[in-house]
Amino acid sequence: MRKLMLLLTFLVFVAPVWAQRALPPEAKRGAIGERQALPMVQIGGEVRRLAPGGIIINSNNLSITQGQLLPGSEILYQLDRNGEVQRIVVLTPEEQARLDSARK
């Protein structure tokens, strides 16, 4: 019983560390612009094509559709070899702050 209580106490303090998402290190940072017709997505001032099978992950780590992206959202995105957007990850405010501090 004592070991179980010790394990549960340990997990309570370690769980927030496990909850951090792994952000792709080679991804570029940008912001979602105005809504575009599928399969296009505006990142900054540039309109790019969303790759077939492209994945969009929101700040809750759930897969969403292109129409659910909110204009102005801060993102990380990856391009495939054809220059199409393969992956978009919507950043949380904590992730934005962490990336900003790492940039300095």
Protein backbone atom coordinates (compact mmCIF):
# COMPACT_ATOMS: atom_id res chain seq x y z
CA MET A 1 0.00 0.00 0.00
CA ARG A 2 2.83 2.35 0.85
CA LYS A 3 4.50 1.70 -2.53
CA LEU A 4 1.25 2.45 -4.34
CA MET A 5 0.87 5.79 -2.53
CA LEU A 6 4.47 6.67 -3.35
CA LEU A 7 3.92 5.80 -7.01
CA LEU A 8 0.74 7.90 -7.22
CA THR A 9 2.47 10.85 -5.58
CA PHE A 10 5.32 10.55 -8.07
CA LEU A 11 2.93 10.44 -11.03
CA VAL A 12 1.10 13.57 -9.88
CA PHE A 13 4.32 15.57 -10.02
CA VAL A 14 5.70 14.01 -13.22
CA ALA A 15 2.49 14.02 -15.31
CA PRO A 16 2.78 17.67 -16.50
CA VAL A 17 6.19 16.90 -18.01
CA TRP A 18 4.72 14.01 -20.01
CA ALA A 19 1.88 16.24 -21.19
CA GLN A 20 4.15 18.44 -23.33
CA ARG A 21 3.76 17.87 -27.04
CA ALA A 22 6.73 17.03 -29.19
CA LEU A 23 6.94 19.86 -31.71
CA PRO A 24 8.70 19.08 -34.99
CA PRO A 25 12.16 20.69 -34.76
CA GLU A 26 12.50 21.37 -38.51
CA ALA A 27 9.10 23.09 -38.80
CA LYS A 28 8.72 26.75 -39.74
CA ARG A 29 6.72 29.20 -37.67
CA GLY A 30 3.89 31.28 -39.07
CA ALA A 31 0.38 32.59 -38.57
CA ILE A 32 -2.83 31.55 -40.30
CA GLY A 33 -4.21 34.23 -42.59
CA GLU A 34 -7.65 34.59 -44.13
CA ARG A 35 -9.72 31.48 -44.82
CA GLN A 36 -9.16 29.92 -48.22
CA ALA A 37 -11.03 27.37 -50.30
CA LEU A 38 -9.90 23.78 -49.77
CA PRO A 39 -7.10 22.67 -50.37
CA MET A 40 -5.46 26.08 -49.93
CA VAL A 41 -4.29 27.62 -46.66
CA GLN A 42 -2.85 31.09 -46.10
CA ILE A 43 0.23 31.22 -43.89
CA GLY A 44 1.39 34.76 -43.32
CA GLY A 45 0.88 36.50 -46.64
CA GLU A 46 1.46 33.41 -48.75
CA VAL A 47 -1.25 31.04 -49.97
CA ARG A 48 -0.03 27.42 -50.01
CA ARG A 49 -1.61 24.14 -50.98
CA LEU A 50 -2.41 21.62 -48.25
CA ALA A 51 -0.84 18.30 -49.29
CA PRO A 52 -3.06 15.27 -49.85
CA GLY A 53 -3.18 13.58 -46.46
CA GLY A 54 -1.95 16.74 -44.75
CA ILE A 55 -2.54 16.81 -41.02
CA ILE A 56 -3.67 19.76 -38.91
CA ILE A 57 -3.30 19.44 -35.13
CA ASN A 58 -5.01 22.01 -32.90
CA SER A 59 -3.78 23.32 -29.54
CA ASN A 60 -5.60 20.46 -27.75
CA ASN A 61 -3.58 17.93 -29.79
CA LEU A 62 -6.62 16.87 -31.83
CA SER A 63 -6.76 16.48 -35.59
CA ILE A 64 -8.96 19.13 -37.24
CA THR A 65 -9.99 20.11 -40.77
CA GLN A 66 -8.73 23.06 -42.76
CA GLY A 67 -12.02 24.91 -42.24
CA GLN A 68 -11.58 24.79 -38.45
CA LEU A 69 -8.33 26.80 -38.51
CA LEU A 70 -8.87 30.20 -36.92
CA PRO A 71 -7.32 33.19 -38.69
CA GLY A 72 -4.48 34.65 -36.63
CA SER A 73 -3.53 31.34 -35.01
CA GLU A 74 0.20 30.91 -34.40
CA ILE A 75 1.42 27.69 -35.99
CA LEU A 76 4.36 25.51 -36.86
CA TYR A 77 4.18 23.98 -40.32
CA GLN A 78 6.14 21.49 -42.38
CA LEU A 79 6.38 21.32 -46.15
CA ASP A 80 6.76 18.17 -48.19
CA ARG A 81 9.23 17.79 -51.06
CA ASN A 82 6.71 19.40 -53.45
CA GLY A 83 6.40 22.54 -51.33
CA GLU A 84 2.91 21.64 -50.11
CA VAL A 85 1.94 21.91 -46.45
CA GLN A 86 2.20 18.44 -44.97
CA ARG A 87 1.63 19.23 -41.27
CA ILE A 88 0.29 22.18 -39.28
CA VAL A 89 0.48 22.34 -35.49
CA VAL A 90 -1.48 25.14 -33.78
CA LEU A 91 0.61 26.44 -30.88
CA THR A 92 -0.60 27.00 -27.34
CA PRO A 93 0.39 30.26 -25.60
CA GLU A 94 2.90 28.29 -23.48
CA GLU A 95 4.50 26.79 -26.59
CA GLN A 96 4.68 30.23 -28.20
CA ALA A 97 6.44 31.62 -25.13
CA ARG A 98 8.84 28.65 -25.03
CA LEU A 99 9.72 29.10 -28.71
CA ASP A 100 10.15 32.85 -28.27
CA SER A 101 12.52 32.38 -25.34
CA ALA A 102 14.50 29.70 -27.23
CA ARG A 103 14.89 32.06 -30.20
CA LYS A 104 16.68 34.71 -28.09
